[in-house]
């Protein structure tokens, strides 16, 4: 009796949209074959999620049922703001401001992202 490849249950709709731009994501599957459902064709098969619009990518996950569960958990996790930038500890504000100064002197444009971090505000609760 020959070993049948593991059938992978995979539905892109189980994943939230891109956390950066909100676009529906896609997946790149290496070592997988679609034949009336996904099957893994090698022990090193993997899946990587990506946004076709802004290009953000996940790390590669094993293309197994357990790997798909891990990918869903990781991709669908979202970080919620914990407070306003004014509430940052002084040492953290100082570290960010120092990095802004370094980036301004060396690169210019990268500092915009750091200023954005300092401008974050937690939405007012209703």
PDB file of N, CA and C in Angstrom:
ATOM      1  N   UNK A   1       0.847  -1.194   0.000  1.00  0.00           N
ATOM      2  CA  UNK A   1       0.000   0.000   0.000  1.00  0.00           C
ATOM      3  C   UNK A   1       0.882   1.244   0.000  1.00  0.00           C
ATOM      4  N   UNK A   2       0.616   2.191  -0.880  1.00  0.00           N
ATOM      5  CA  UNK A   2       1.415   3.412  -0.952  1.00  0.00           C
ATOM      6  C   UNK A   2       0.861   4.446   0.015  1.00  0.00           C
ATOM      7  N   UNK A   3       1.790   5.249   0.544  1.00  0.00           N
ATOM      8  CA  UNK A   3       1.377   6.329   1.440  1.00  0.00           C
ATOM      9  C   UNK A   3       0.722   7.437   0.633  1.00  0.00           C
ATOM     10  N   UNK A   4      -0.443   7.843   1.045  1.00  0.00           N
ATOM     11  CA  UNK A   4      -1.133   8.953   0.403  1.00  0.00           C
ATOM     12  C   UNK A   4      -0.620  10.254   1.010  1.00  0.00           C
ATOM     13  N   UNK A   5      -0.414  11.308   0.210  1.00  0.00           N
ATOM     14  CA  UNK A   5       0.009  12.586   0.784  1.00  0.00           C
ATOM     15  C   UNK A   5      -1.086  13.151   1.678  1.00  0.00           C
ATOM     16  N   UNK A   6      -0.643  13.891   2.679  1.00  0.00           N
ATOM     17  CA  UNK A   6      -1.587  14.504   3.617  1.00  0.00           C
ATOM     18  C   UNK A   6      -2.445  15.534   2.892  1.00  0.00           C
ATOM     19  N   UNK A   7      -3.766  15.423   3.046  1.00  0.00           N
ATOM     20  CA  UNK A   7      -4.675  16.413   2.464  1.00  0.00           C
ATOM     21  C   UNK A   7      -4.734  17.599   3.432  1.00  0.00           C
ATOM     22  N   UNK A   8      -4.476  18.788   2.921  1.00  0.00           N
ATOM     23  CA  UNK A   8      -4.423  20.004   3.735  1.00  0.00           C
ATOM     24  C   UNK A   8      -5.718  20.778   3.537  1.00  0.00           C
ATOM     25  N   UNK A   9      -6.415  21.046   4.625  1.00  0.00           N
ATOM     26  CA  UNK A   9      -7.615  21.884   4.568  1.00  0.00           C
ATOM     27  C   UNK A   9      -7.147  23.321   4.720  1.00  0.00           C
ATOM     28  N   UNK A  10      -7.343  24.093   3.657  1.00  0.00           N
ATOM     29  CA  UNK A  10      -6.822  25.458   3.628  1.00  0.00           C
ATOM     30  C   UNK A  10      -7.823  26.362   2.938  1.00  0.00           C
ATOM     31  N   UNK A  11      -8.205  27.440   3.613  1.00  0.00           N
ATOM     32  CA  UNK A  11      -9.151  28.405   3.054  1.00  0.00           C
ATOM     33  C   UNK A  11      -8.630  29.811   3.345  1.00  0.00           C
ATOM     34  N   UNK A  12      -8.314  30.555   2.314  1.00  0.00           N
ATOM     35  CA  UNK A  12      -7.768  31.906   2.484  1.00  0.00           C
ATOM     36  C   UNK A  12      -8.741  32.816   3.237  1.00  0.00           C
ATOM     37  N   UNK A  13     -10.028  32.481   3.216  1.00  0.00           N
ATOM     38  CA  UNK A  13     -11.013  33.300   3.930  1.00  0.00           C
ATOM     39  C   UNK A  13     -10.888  33.190   5.444  1.00  0.00           C
ATOM     40  N   UNK A  14     -10.075  32.230   5.935  1.00  0.00           N
ATOM     41  CA  UNK A  14      -9.840  32.125   7.377  1.00  0.00           C
ATOM     42  C   UNK A  14      -8.869  33.195   7.880  1.00  0.00           C
ATOM     43  N   UNK A  15      -8.265  33.924   6.947  1.00  0.00           N
ATOM     44  CA  UNK A  15      -7.275  34.935   7.304  1.00  0.00           C
ATOM     45  C   UNK A  15      -7.882  36.331   7.196  1.00  0.00           C
ATOM     46  N   UNK A  16      -7.530  37.190   8.143  1.00  0.00           N
ATOM     47  CA  UNK A  16      -7.975  38.586   8.076  1.00  0.00           C
ATOM     48  C   UNK A  16      -7.277  39.275   6.899  1.00  0.00           C
ATOM     49  N   UNK A  17      -7.847  40.408   6.490  1.00  0.00           N
ATOM     50  CA  UNK A  17      -7.213  41.219   5.447  1.00  0.00           C
ATOM     51  C   UNK A  17      -5.887  41.770   5.950  1.00  0.00           C
ATOM     52  N   UNK A  18      -5.131  42.351   5.058  1.00  0.00           N
ATOM     53  CA  UNK A  18      -3.825  42.915   5.381  1.00  0.00           C
ATOM     54  C   UNK A  18      -3.940  43.909   6.537  1.00  0.00           C
ATOM     55  N   UNK A  19      -3.059  43.789   7.538  1.00  0.00           N
ATOM     56  CA  UNK A  19      -3.112  44.719   8.666  1.00  0.00           C
ATOM     57  C   UNK A  19      -2.610  46.119   8.309  1.00  0.00           C
ATOM     58  N   UNK A  20      -1.919  46.252   7.186  1.00  0.00           N
ATOM     59  CA  UNK A  20      -1.372  47.546   6.785  1.00  0.00           C
ATOM     60  C   UNK A  20      -2.352  48.312   5.904  1.00  0.00           C
ATOM     61  N   UNK A  21      -2.841  47.675   4.829  1.00  0.00           N
ATOM     62  CA  UNK A  21      -3.674  48.412   3.871  1.00  0.00           C
ATOM     63  C   UNK A  21      -5.109  47.888   3.755  1.00  0.00           C
ATOM     64  N   UNK A  22      -5.412  46.739   4.395  1.00  0.00           N
ATOM     65  CA  UNK A  22      -6.775  46.226   4.384  1.00  0.00           C
ATOM     66  C   UNK A  22      -7.151  45.388   3.172  1.00  0.00           C
ATOM     67  N   UNK A  23      -6.193  45.121   2.283  1.00  0.00           N
ATOM     68  CA  UNK A  23      -6.455  44.334   1.077  1.00  0.00           C
ATOM     69  C   UNK A  23      -6.577  42.850   1.429  1.00  0.00           C
ATOM     70  N   UNK A  24      -7.394  42.120   0.665  1.00  0.00           N
ATOM     71  CA  UNK A  24      -7.495  40.668   0.842  1.00  0.00           C
ATOM     72  C   UNK A  24      -6.136  40.060   0.520  1.00  0.00           C
ATOM     73  N   UNK A  25      -5.666  39.161   1.376  1.00  0.00           N
ATOM     74  CA  UNK A  25      -4.327  38.600   1.209  1.00  0.00           C
ATOM     75  C   UNK A  25      -4.348  37.390   0.276  1.00  0.00           C
ATOM     76  N   UNK A  26      -3.158  36.936  -0.060  1.00  0.00           N
ATOM     77  CA  UNK A  26      -2.985  35.759  -0.893  1.00  0.00           C
ATOM     78  C   UNK A  26      -1.923  34.886  -0.233  1.00  0.00           C
ATOM     79  N   UNK A  27      -1.681  33.721  -0.785  1.00  0.00           N
ATOM     80  CA  UNK A  27      -0.696  32.808  -0.218  1.00  0.00           C
ATOM     81  C   UNK A  27       0.160  32.208  -1.311  1.00  0.00           C
ATOM     82  N   UNK A  28       1.422  32.022  -0.991  1.00  0.00           N
ATOM     83  CA  UNK A  28       2.362  31.326  -1.859  1.00  0.00           C
ATOM     84  C   UNK A  28       2.609  29.962  -1.222  1.00  0.00           C
ATOM     85  N   UNK A  29       2.405  28.909  -1.976  1.00  0.00           N
ATOM     86  CA  UNK A  29       2.567  27.556  -1.446  1.00  0.00           C
ATOM     87  C   UNK A  29       3.665  26.860  -2.234  1.00  0.00           C
ATOM     88  N   UNK A  30       4.719  26.466  -1.529  1.00  0.00           N
ATOM     89  CA  UNK A  30       5.841  25.753  -2.158  1.00  0.00           C
ATOM     90  C   UNK A  30       5.782  24.295  -1.714  1.00  0.00           C
ATOM     91  N   UNK A  31       5.801  23.402  -2.644  1.00  0.00           N
ATOM     92  CA  UNK A  31       5.771  21.981  -2.311  1.00  0.00           C
ATOM     93  C   UNK A  31       4.367  21.461  -2.077  1.00  0.00           C
ATOM     94  N   UNK A  32       3.368  22.198  -2.574  1.00  0.00           N
ATOM     95  CA  UNK A  32       1.986  21.763  -2.451  1.00  0.00           C
ATOM     96  C   UNK A  32       1.377  21.588  -3.825  1.00  0.00           C
ATOM     97  N   UNK A  33       0.360  20.791  -3.908  1.00  0.00           N
ATOM     98  CA  UNK A  33      -0.297  20.514  -5.177  1.00  0.00           C
ATOM     99  C   UNK A  33      -1.794  20.559  -4.949  1.00  0.00           C
ATOM    100  N   UNK A  34      -2.524  21.227  -5.839  1.00  0.00           N
ATOM    101  CA  UNK A  34      -3.978  21.271  -5.723  1.00  0.00           C
ATOM    102  C   UNK A  34      -4.576  20.210  -6.623  1.00  0.00           C
ATOM    103  N   UNK A  35      -5.232  19.247  -6.011  1.00  0.00           N
ATOM    104  CA  UNK A  35      -5.871  18.164  -6.760  1.00  0.00           C
ATOM    105  C   UNK A  35      -7.131  17.800  -5.981  1.00  0.00           C
ATOM    106  N   UNK A  36      -8.236  18.483  -6.291  1.00  0.00           N
ATOM    107  CA  UNK A  36      -9.481  18.343  -5.523  1.00  0.00           C
ATOM    108  C   UNK A  36      -9.233  18.654  -4.048  1.00  0.00           C
ATOM    109  N   UNK A  37      -8.376  19.588  -3.798  1.00  0.00           N
ATOM    110  CA  UNK A  37      -7.967  19.976  -2.445  1.00  0.00           C
ATOM    111  C   UNK A  37      -6.451  19.997  -2.384  1.00  0.00           C
ATOM    112  N   UNK A  38      -5.919  20.730  -1.442  1.00  0.00           N
ATOM    113  CA  UNK A  38      -4.464  20.850  -1.338  1.00  0.00           C
ATOM    114  C   UNK A  38      -3.870  19.593  -0.725  1.00  0.00           C
ATOM    115  N   UNK A  39      -2.739  19.174  -1.267  1.00  0.00           N
ATOM    116  CA  UNK A  39      -1.970  18.086  -0.679  1.00  0.00           C
ATOM    117  C   UNK A  39      -0.514  18.529  -0.615  1.00  0.00           C
ATOM    118  N   UNK A  40       0.170  18.068   0.421  1.00  0.00           N
ATOM    119  CA  UNK A  40       1.586  18.359   0.580  1.00  0.00           C
ATOM    120  C   UNK A  40       2.371  17.360  -0.257  1.00  0.00           C
ATOM    121  N   UNK A  41       3.285  17.849  -1.090  1.00  0.00           N
ATOM    122  CA  UNK A  41       4.043  16.950  -1.965  1.00  0.00           C
ATOM    123  C   UNK A  41       5.471  16.721  -1.476  1.00  0.00           C
ATOM    124  N   UNK A  42       5.857  17.359  -0.387  1.00  0.00           N
ATOM    125  CA  UNK A  42       7.195  17.128   0.154  1.00  0.00           C
ATOM    126  C   UNK A  42       7.193  17.424   1.644  1.00  0.00           C
ATOM    127  N   UNK A  43       8.199  16.903   2.324  1.00  0.00           N
ATOM    128  CA  UNK A  43       8.317  17.145   3.768  1.00  0.00           C
ATOM    129  C   UNK A  43       8.680  18.594   4.075  1.00  0.00           C
ATOM    130  N   UNK A  44       9.175  19.303   3.080  1.00  0.00           N
ATOM    131  CA  UNK A  44       9.574  20.687   3.308  1.00  0.00           C
ATOM    132  C   UNK A  44       8.580  21.688   2.711  1.00  0.00           C
ATOM    133  N   UNK A  45       7.367  21.230   2.421  1.00  0.00           N
ATOM    134  CA  UNK A  45       6.355  22.128   1.850  1.00  0.00           C
ATOM    135  C   UNK A  45       6.049  23.248   2.844  1.00  0.00           C
ATOM    136  N   UNK A  46       5.840  24.454   2.313  1.00  0.00           N
ATOM    137  CA  UNK A  46       5.552  25.589   3.194  1.00  0.00           C
ATOM    138  C   UNK A  46       4.593  26.559   2.527  1.00  0.00           C
ATOM    139  N   UNK A  47       3.976  27.363   3.386  1.00  0.00           N
ATOM    140  CA  UNK A  47       3.044  28.391   2.939  1.00  0.00           C
ATOM    141  C   UNK A  47       3.528  29.729   3.491  1.00  0.00           C
ATOM    142  N   UNK A  48       3.418  30.756   2.672  1.00  0.00           N
ATOM    143  CA  UNK A  48       3.760  32.105   3.098  1.00  0.00           C
ATOM    144  C   UNK A  48       2.636  33.022   2.649  1.00  0.00           C
ATOM    145  N   UNK A  49       2.128  33.811   3.579  1.00  0.00           N
ATOM    146  CA  UNK A  49       1.048  34.745   3.287  1.00  0.00           C
ATOM    147  C   UNK A  49       1.633  36.071   2.849  1.00  0.00           C
ATOM    148  N   UNK A  50       0.917  36.770   1.951  1.00  0.00           N
ATOM    149  CA  UNK A  50       1.413  38.076   1.514  1.00  0.00           C
ATOM    150  C   UNK A  50       0.249  38.942   1.044  1.00  0.00           C
ATOM    151  N   UNK A  51       0.489  40.236   1.040  1.00  0.00           N
ATOM    152  CA  UNK A  51      -0.487  41.194   0.528  1.00  0.00           C
ATOM    153  C   UNK A  51      -0.066  41.577  -0.893  1.00  0.00           C
ATOM    154  N   UNK A  52      -0.946  41.366  -1.882  1.00  0.00           N
ATOM    155  CA  UNK A  52      -0.582  41.701  -3.259  1.00  0.00           C
ATOM    156  C   UNK A  52      -0.478  43.205  -3.500  1.00  0.00           C
ATOM    157  N   UNK A  53      -1.043  44.014  -2.601  1.00  0.00           N
ATOM    158  CA  UNK A  53      -1.010  45.460  -2.805  1.00  0.00           C
ATOM    159  C   UNK A  53       0.236  46.093  -2.188  1.00  0.00           C
ATOM    160  N   UNK A  54       0.456  45.875  -0.878  1.00  0.00           N
ATOM    161  CA  UNK A  54       1.572  46.572  -0.225  1.00  0.00           C
ATOM    162  C   UNK A  54       2.810  45.694  -0.048  1.00  0.00           C
ATOM    163  N   UNK A  55       2.677  44.375  -0.277  1.00  0.00           N
ATOM    164  CA  UNK A  55       3.845  43.507  -0.271  1.00  0.00           C
ATOM    165  C   UNK A  55       4.252  42.931   1.073  1.00  0.00           C
ATOM    166  N   UNK A  56       3.539  43.241   2.144  1.00  0.00           N
ATOM    167  CA  UNK A  56       3.892  42.675   3.438  1.00  0.00           C
ATOM    168  C   UNK A  56       3.774  41.161   3.362  1.00  0.00           C
ATOM    169  N   UNK A  57       4.691  40.448   4.049  1.00  0.00           N
ATOM    170  CA  UNK A  57       4.706  38.986   4.010  1.00  0.00           C
ATOM    171  C   UNK A  57       4.788  38.423   5.421  1.00  0.00           C
ATOM    172  N   UNK A  58       4.286  37.207   5.555  1.00  0.00           N
ATOM    173  CA  UNK A  58       4.480  36.470   6.799  1.00  0.00           C
ATOM    174  C   UNK A  58       5.786  35.685   6.688  1.00  0.00           C
ATOM    175  N   UNK A  59       6.181  35.092   7.789  1.00  0.00           N
ATOM    176  CA  UNK A  59       7.267  34.126   7.713  1.00  0.00           C
ATOM    177  C   UNK A  59       6.700  32.871   7.057  1.00  0.00           C
ATOM    178  N   UNK A  60       7.529  32.016   6.504  1.00  0.00           N
ATOM    179  CA  UNK A  60       7.008  30.750   5.961  1.00  0.00           C
ATOM    180  C   UNK A  60       6.563  29.826   7.098  1.00  0.00           C
ATOM    181  N   UNK A  61       5.463  29.113   6.882  1.00  0.00           N
ATOM    182  CA  UNK A  61       4.963  28.126   7.835  1.00  0.00           C
ATOM    183  C   UNK A  61       4.966  26.771   7.151  1.00  0.00           C
ATOM    184  N   UNK A  62       5.132  25.704   7.948  1.00  0.00           N
ATOM    185  CA  UNK A  62       5.031  24.351   7.398  1.00  0.00           C
ATOM    186  C   UNK A  62       3.661  24.176   6.767  1.00  0.00           C
ATOM    187  N   UNK A  63       3.617  23.559   5.610  1.00  0.00           N
ATOM    188  CA  UNK A  63       2.347  23.320   4.933  1.00  0.00           C
ATOM    189  C   UNK A  63       1.755  22.004   5.436  1.00  0.00           C
ATOM    190  N   UNK A  64       1.331  22.060   6.695  1.00  0.00           N
ATOM    191  CA  UNK A  64       0.651  20.957   7.370  1.00  0.00           C
ATOM    192  C   UNK A  64      -0.569  21.559   8.049  1.00  0.00           C
ATOM    193  N   UNK A  65      -1.462  20.720   8.559  1.00  0.00           N
ATOM    194  CA  UNK A  65      -2.634  21.269   9.268  1.00  0.00           C
ATOM    195  C   UNK A  65      -2.190  22.098  10.467  1.00  0.00           C
ATOM    196  N   UNK A  66      -1.179  21.618  11.184  1.00  0.00           N
ATOM    197  CA  UNK A  66      -0.671  22.363  12.348  1.00  0.00           C
ATOM    198  C   UNK A  66      -0.034  23.681  11.899  1.00  0.00           C
ATOM    199  N   UNK A  67       0.702  23.642  10.790  1.00  0.00           N
ATOM    200  CA  UNK A  67       1.313  24.861  10.262  1.00  0.00           C
ATOM    201  C   UNK A  67       0.274  25.884   9.821  1.00  0.00           C
ATOM    202  N   UNK A  68      -0.821  25.405   9.210  1.00  0.00           N
ATOM    203  CA  UNK A  68      -1.908  26.304   8.788  1.00  0.00           C
ATOM    204  C   UNK A  68      -2.542  26.952  10.011  1.00  0.00           C
ATOM    205  N   UNK A  69      -2.758  26.180  11.080  1.00  0.00           N
ATOM    206  CA  UNK A  69      -3.324  26.746  12.316  1.00  0.00           C
ATOM    207  C   UNK A  69      -2.400  27.832  12.876  1.00  0.00           C
ATOM    208  N   UNK A  70      -1.102  27.570  12.865  1.00  0.00           N
ATOM    209  CA  UNK A  70      -0.128  28.561  13.346  1.00  0.00           C
ATOM    210  C   UNK A  70      -0.149  29.816  12.480  1.00  0.00           C
ATOM    211  N   UNK A  71      -0.262  29.629  11.161  1.00  0.00           N
ATOM    212  CA  UNK A  71      -0.298  30.769  10.239  1.00  0.00           C
ATOM    213  C   UNK A  71      -1.540  31.629  10.497  1.00  0.00           C
ATOM    214  N   UNK A  72      -2.691  30.978  10.701  1.00  0.00           N
ATOM    215  CA  UNK A  72      -3.929  31.720  10.976  1.00  0.00           C
ATOM    216  C   UNK A  72      -3.782  32.518  12.260  1.00  0.00           C
ATOM    217  N   UNK A  73      -3.272  31.884  13.308  1.00  0.00           N
ATOM    218  CA  UNK A  73      -3.100  32.560  14.598  1.00  0.00           C
ATOM    219  C   UNK A  73      -2.151  33.748  14.475  1.00  0.00           C
ATOM    220  N   UNK A  74      -1.027  33.528  13.814  1.00  0.00           N
ATOM    221  CA  UNK A  74      -0.030  34.597  13.684  1.00  0.00           C
ATOM    222  C   UNK A  74      -0.553  35.748  12.829  1.00  0.00           C
ATOM    223  N   UNK A  75      -1.118  35.430  11.648  1.00  0.00           N
ATOM    224  CA  UNK A  75      -1.569  36.485  10.738  1.00  0.00           C
ATOM    225  C   UNK A  75      -2.742  37.272  11.315  1.00  0.00           C
ATOM    226  N   UNK A  76      -3.647  36.597  11.972  1.00  0.00           N
ATOM    227  CA  UNK A  76      -4.852  37.256  12.472  1.00  0.00           C
ATOM    228  C   UNK A  76      -4.635  38.002  13.781  1.00  0.00           C
ATOM    229  N   UNK A  77      -3.462  37.893  14.386  1.00  0.00           N
ATOM    230  CA  UNK A  77      -3.166  38.645  15.609  1.00  0.00           C
ATOM    231  C   UNK A  77      -2.963  40.109  15.256  1.00  0.00           C
ATOM    232  N   UNK A  78      -3.538  40.968  16.052  1.00  0.00           N
ATOM    233  CA  UNK A  78      -3.381  42.407  15.837  1.00  0.00           C
ATOM    234  C   UNK A  78      -2.986  43.059  17.152  1.00  0.00           C
ATOM    235  N   UNK A  79      -2.084  44.000  17.060  1.00  0.00           N
ATOM    236  CA  UNK A  79      -1.635  44.725  18.241  1.00  0.00           C
ATOM    237  C   UNK A  79      -2.547  45.923  18.435  1.00  0.00           C
ATOM    238  N   UNK A  80      -3.065  46.063  19.622  1.00  0.00           N
ATOM    239  CA  UNK A  80      -3.909  47.203  19.951  1.00  0.00           C
ATOM    240  C   UNK A  80      -3.064  48.260  20.650  1.00  0.00           C
ATOM    241  N   UNK A  81      -3.297  49.527  20.379  1.00  0.00           N
ATOM    242  CA  UNK A  81      -2.557  50.574  21.090  1.00  0.00           C
ATOM    243  C   UNK A  81      -2.787  50.452  22.591  1.00  0.00           C
ATOM    244  N   UNK A  82      -1.730  50.677  23.366  1.00  0.00           N
ATOM    245  CA  UNK A  82      -1.866  50.561  24.813  1.00  0.00           C
ATOM    246  C   UNK A  82      -2.043  51.914  25.494  1.00  0.00           C
ATOM    247  N   UNK A  83      -1.949  52.962  24.751  1.00  0.00           N
ATOM    248  CA  UNK A  83      -2.099  54.283  25.344  1.00  0.00           C
ATOM    249  C   UNK A  83      -1.639  55.347  24.368  1.00  0.00           C
ATOM    250  N   UNK A  84      -1.507  56.548  24.850  1.00  0.00           N
ATOM    251  CA  UNK A  84      -1.057  57.664  24.022  1.00  0.00           C
ATOM    252  C   UNK A  84       0.449  57.802  24.112  1.00  0.00           C
ATOM    253  N   UNK A  85       1.046  58.417  23.089  1.00  0.00           N
ATOM    254  CA  UNK A  85       2.500  58.559  23.077  1.00  0.00           C
ATOM    255  C   UNK A  85       2.997  59.364  24.276  1.00  0.00           C
ATOM    256  N   UNK A  86       2.150  60.254  24.802  1.00  0.00           N
ATOM    257  CA  UNK A  86       2.547  61.026  25.980  1.00  0.00           C
ATOM    258  C   UNK A  86       2.705  60.133  27.208  1.00  0.00           C
ATOM    259  N   UNK A  87       2.126  58.932  27.158  1.00  0.00           N
ATOM    260  CA  UNK A  87       2.184  58.012  28.285  1.00  0.00           C
ATOM    261  C   UNK A  87       3.389  57.080  28.218  1.00  0.00           C
ATOM    262  N   UNK A  88       4.217  57.197  27.163  1.00  0.00           N
ATOM    263  CA  UNK A  88       5.410  56.363  27.071  1.00  0.00           C
ATOM    264  C   UNK A  88       6.356  56.703  28.213  1.00  0.00           C
ATOM    265  N   UNK A  89       7.063  55.699  28.716  1.00  0.00           N
ATOM    266  CA  UNK A  89       8.068  55.997  29.743  1.00  0.00           C
ATOM    267  C   UNK A  89       9.112  56.956  29.168  1.00  0.00           C
ATOM    268  N   UNK A  90       9.675  57.780  30.010  1.00  0.00           N
ATOM    269  CA  UNK A  90      10.634  58.792  29.566  1.00  0.00           C
ATOM    270  C   UNK A  90      11.824  58.163  28.834  1.00  0.00           C
ATOM    271  N   UNK A  91      12.317  57.020  29.328  1.00  0.00           N
ATOM    272  CA  UNK A  91      13.462  56.378  28.681  1.00  0.00           C
ATOM    273  C   UNK A  91      13.117  55.942  27.254  1.00  0.00           C
ATOM    274  N   UNK A  92      11.856  55.527  27.038  1.00  0.00           N
ATOM    275  CA  UNK A  92      11.458  55.089  25.708  1.00  0.00           C
ATOM    276  C   UNK A  92      11.313  56.278  24.764  1.00  0.00           C
ATOM    277  N   UNK A  93      10.703  57.362  25.254  1.00  0.00           N
ATOM    278  CA  UNK A  93      10.592  58.578  24.433  1.00  0.00           C
ATOM    279  C   UNK A  93      11.975  59.065  24.034  1.00  0.00           C
ATOM    280  N   UNK A  94      12.900  59.051  24.989  1.00  0.00           N
ATOM    281  CA  UNK A  94      14.260  59.533  24.731  1.00  0.00           C
ATOM    282  C   UNK A  94      14.947  58.641  23.685  1.00  0.00           C
ATOM    283  N   UNK A  95      14.761  57.334  23.790  1.00  0.00           N
ATOM    284  CA  UNK A  95      15.362  56.404  22.825  1.00  0.00           C
ATOM    285  C   UNK A  95      14.796  56.642  21.428  1.00  0.00           C
ATOM    286  N   UNK A  96      13.492  56.864  21.332  1.00  0.00           N
ATOM    287  CA  UNK A  96      12.865  57.113  20.033  1.00  0.00           C
ATOM    288  C   UNK A  96      13.339  58.444  19.465  1.00  0.00           C
ATOM    289  N   UNK A  97      13.376  59.468  20.297  1.00  0.00           N
ATOM    290  CA  UNK A  97      13.825  60.785  19.825  1.00  0.00           C
ATOM    291  C   UNK A  97      15.286  60.745  19.378  1.00  0.00           C
ATOM    292  N   UNK A  98      16.121  59.987  20.093  1.00  0.00           N
ATOM    293  CA  UNK A  98      17.524  59.837  19.701  1.00  0.00           C
ATOM    294  C   UNK A  98      17.612  59.144  18.341  1.00  0.00           C
ATOM    295  N   UNK A  99      16.797  58.094  18.148  1.00  0.00           N
ATOM    296  CA  UNK A  99      16.791  57.383  16.865  1.00  0.00           C
ATOM    297  C   UNK A  99      16.310  58.297  15.735  1.00  0.00           C
ATOM    298  N   UNK A 100      15.341  59.151  16.032  1.00  0.00           N
ATOM    299  CA  UNK A 100      14.871  60.116  15.025  1.00  0.00           C
ATOM    300  C   UNK A 100      16.024  61.014  14.595  1.00  0.00           C
ATOM    301  N   UNK A 101      16.763  61.511  15.553  1.00  0.00           N
ATOM    302  CA  UNK A 101      17.893  62.392  15.227  1.00  0.00           C
ATOM    303  C   UNK A 101      18.937  61.669  14.372  1.00  0.00           C
ATOM    304  N   UNK A 102      19.228  60.416  14.702  1.00  0.00           N
ATOM    305  CA  UNK A 102      20.197  59.631  13.920  1.00  0.00           C
ATOM    306  C   UNK A 102      19.672  59.431  12.504  1.00  0.00           C
ATOM    307  N   UNK A 103      18.395  59.045  12.394  1.00  0.00           N
ATOM    308  CA  UNK A 103      17.815  58.798  11.067  1.00  0.00           C
ATOM    309  C   UNK A 103      17.758  60.076  10.236  1.00  0.00           C
ATOM    310  N   UNK A 104      17.442  61.195  10.873  1.00  0.00           N
ATOM    311  CA  UNK A 104      17.404  62.462  10.136  1.00  0.00           C
ATOM    312  C   UNK A 104      18.776  62.815   9.584  1.00  0.00           C
ATOM    313  N   UNK A 105      19.805  62.612  10.395  1.00  0.00           N
ATOM    314  CA  UNK A 105      21.147  62.982   9.943  1.00  0.00           C
ATOM    315  C   UNK A 105      21.674  62.017   8.875  1.00  0.00           C
ATOM    316  N   UNK A 106      21.263  60.736   8.926  1.00  0.00           N
ATOM    317  CA  UNK A 106      21.792  59.755   7.986  1.00  0.00           C
ATOM    318  C   UNK A 106      20.892  59.512   6.773  1.00  0.00           C
ATOM    319  N   UNK A 107      19.563  59.477   6.987  1.00  0.00           N
ATOM    320  CA  UNK A 107      18.669  59.030   5.924  1.00  0.00           C
ATOM    321  C   UNK A 107      17.559  60.007   5.574  1.00  0.00           C
ATOM    322  N   UNK A 108      17.125  60.779   6.504  1.00  0.00           N
ATOM    323  CA  UNK A 108      16.043  61.714   6.243  1.00  0.00           C
ATOM    324  C   UNK A 108      14.658  61.100   6.314  1.00  0.00           C
ATOM    325  N   UNK A 109      14.267  60.356   5.312  1.00  0.00           N
ATOM    326  CA  UNK A 109      12.883  59.900   5.197  1.00  0.00           C
ATOM    327  C   UNK A 109      12.469  58.866   6.233  1.00  0.00           C
ATOM    328  N   UNK A 110      13.358  58.005   6.692  1.00  0.00           N
ATOM    329  CA  UNK A 110      12.993  56.983   7.656  1.00  0.00           C
ATOM    330  C   UNK A 110      12.476  57.578   8.963  1.00  0.00           C
ATOM    331  N   UNK A 111      12.888  58.793   9.261  1.00  0.00           N
ATOM    332  CA  UNK A 111      12.467  59.422  10.507  1.00  0.00           C
ATOM    333  C   UNK A 111      10.969  59.673  10.537  1.00  0.00           C
ATOM    334  N   UNK A 112      10.335  59.799   9.381  1.00  0.00           N
ATOM    335  CA  UNK A 112       8.892  60.031   9.350  1.00  0.00           C
ATOM    336  C   UNK A 112       8.145  58.924  10.070  1.00  0.00           C
ATOM    337  N   UNK A 113       8.579  57.691   9.905  1.00  0.00           N
ATOM    338  CA  UNK A 113       7.920  56.568  10.584  1.00  0.00           C
ATOM    339  C   UNK A 113       8.089  56.676  12.094  1.00  0.00           C
ATOM    340  N   UNK A 114       9.238  57.133  12.534  1.00  0.00           N
ATOM    341  CA  UNK A 114       9.446  57.271  13.977  1.00  0.00           C
ATOM    342  C   UNK A 114       8.604  58.405  14.557  1.00  0.00           C
ATOM    343  N   UNK A 115       8.475  59.497  13.831  1.00  0.00           N
ATOM    344  CA  UNK A 115       7.584  60.575  14.286  1.00  0.00           C
ATOM    345  C   UNK A 115       6.146  60.073  14.341  1.00  0.00           C
ATOM    346  N   UNK A 116       5.793  59.209  13.387  1.00  0.00           N
ATOM    347  CA  UNK A 116       4.452  58.636  13.381  1.00  0.00           C
ATOM    348  C   UNK A 116       4.216  57.823  14.658  1.00  0.00           C
ATOM    349  N   UNK A 117       5.215  57.041  15.078  1.00  0.00           N
ATOM    350  CA  UNK A 117       5.088  56.258  16.312  1.00  0.00           C
ATOM    351  C   UNK A 117       4.800  57.184  17.486  1.00  0.00           C
ATOM    352  N   UNK A 118       5.506  58.282  17.555  1.00  0.00           N
ATOM    353  CA  UNK A 118       5.284  59.219  18.663  1.00  0.00           C
ATOM    354  C   UNK A 118       3.931  59.909  18.588  1.00  0.00           C
ATOM    355  N   UNK A 119       3.329  59.955  17.408  1.00  0.00           N
ATOM    356  CA  UNK A 119       2.036  60.631  17.266  1.00  0.00           C
ATOM    357  C   UNK A 119       0.838  59.708  17.544  1.00  0.00           C
ATOM    358  N   UNK A 120       1.100  58.421  17.746  1.00  0.00           N
ATOM    359  CA  UNK A 120      -0.011  57.475  17.947  1.00  0.00           C
ATOM    360  C   UNK A 120      -0.840  57.839  19.174  1.00  0.00           C
ATOM    361  N   UNK A 121      -2.114  57.705  19.023  1.00  0.00           N
ATOM    362  CA  UNK A 121      -3.044  57.960  20.111  1.00  0.00           C
ATOM    363  C   UNK A 121      -4.034  56.810  20.176  1.00  0.00           C
ATOM    364  N   UNK A 122      -4.328  56.371  21.367  1.00  0.00           N
ATOM    365  CA  UNK A 122      -5.345  55.336  21.543  1.00  0.00           C
ATOM    366  C   UNK A 122      -6.700  55.996  21.305  1.00  0.00           C
ATOM    367  N   UNK A 123      -7.574  55.358  20.520  1.00  0.00           N
ATOM    368  CA  UNK A 123      -8.897  55.941  20.285  1.00  0.00           C
ATOM    369  C   UNK A 123      -9.645  56.137  21.597  1.00  0.00           C
ATOM    370  N   UNK A 124     -10.376  57.228  21.634  1.00  0.00           N
ATOM    371  CA  UNK A 124     -11.178  57.502  22.824  1.00  0.00           C
ATOM    372  C   UNK A 124     -12.261  56.435  22.978  1.00  0.00           C
ATOM    373  N   UNK A 125     -12.411  55.943  24.176  1.00  0.00           N
ATOM    374  CA  UNK A 125     -13.447  54.944  24.423  1.00  0.00           C
ATOM    375  C   UNK A 125     -14.780  55.636  24.587  1.00  0.00           C
ATOM    376  N   UNK A 126     -15.814  55.024  24.022  1.00  0.00           N
ATOM    377  CA  UNK A 126     -17.152  55.626  24.090  1.00  0.00           C
ATOM    378  C   UNK A 126     -17.888  55.162  25.315  1.00  0.00           C
TER     379      UNK A 126
END
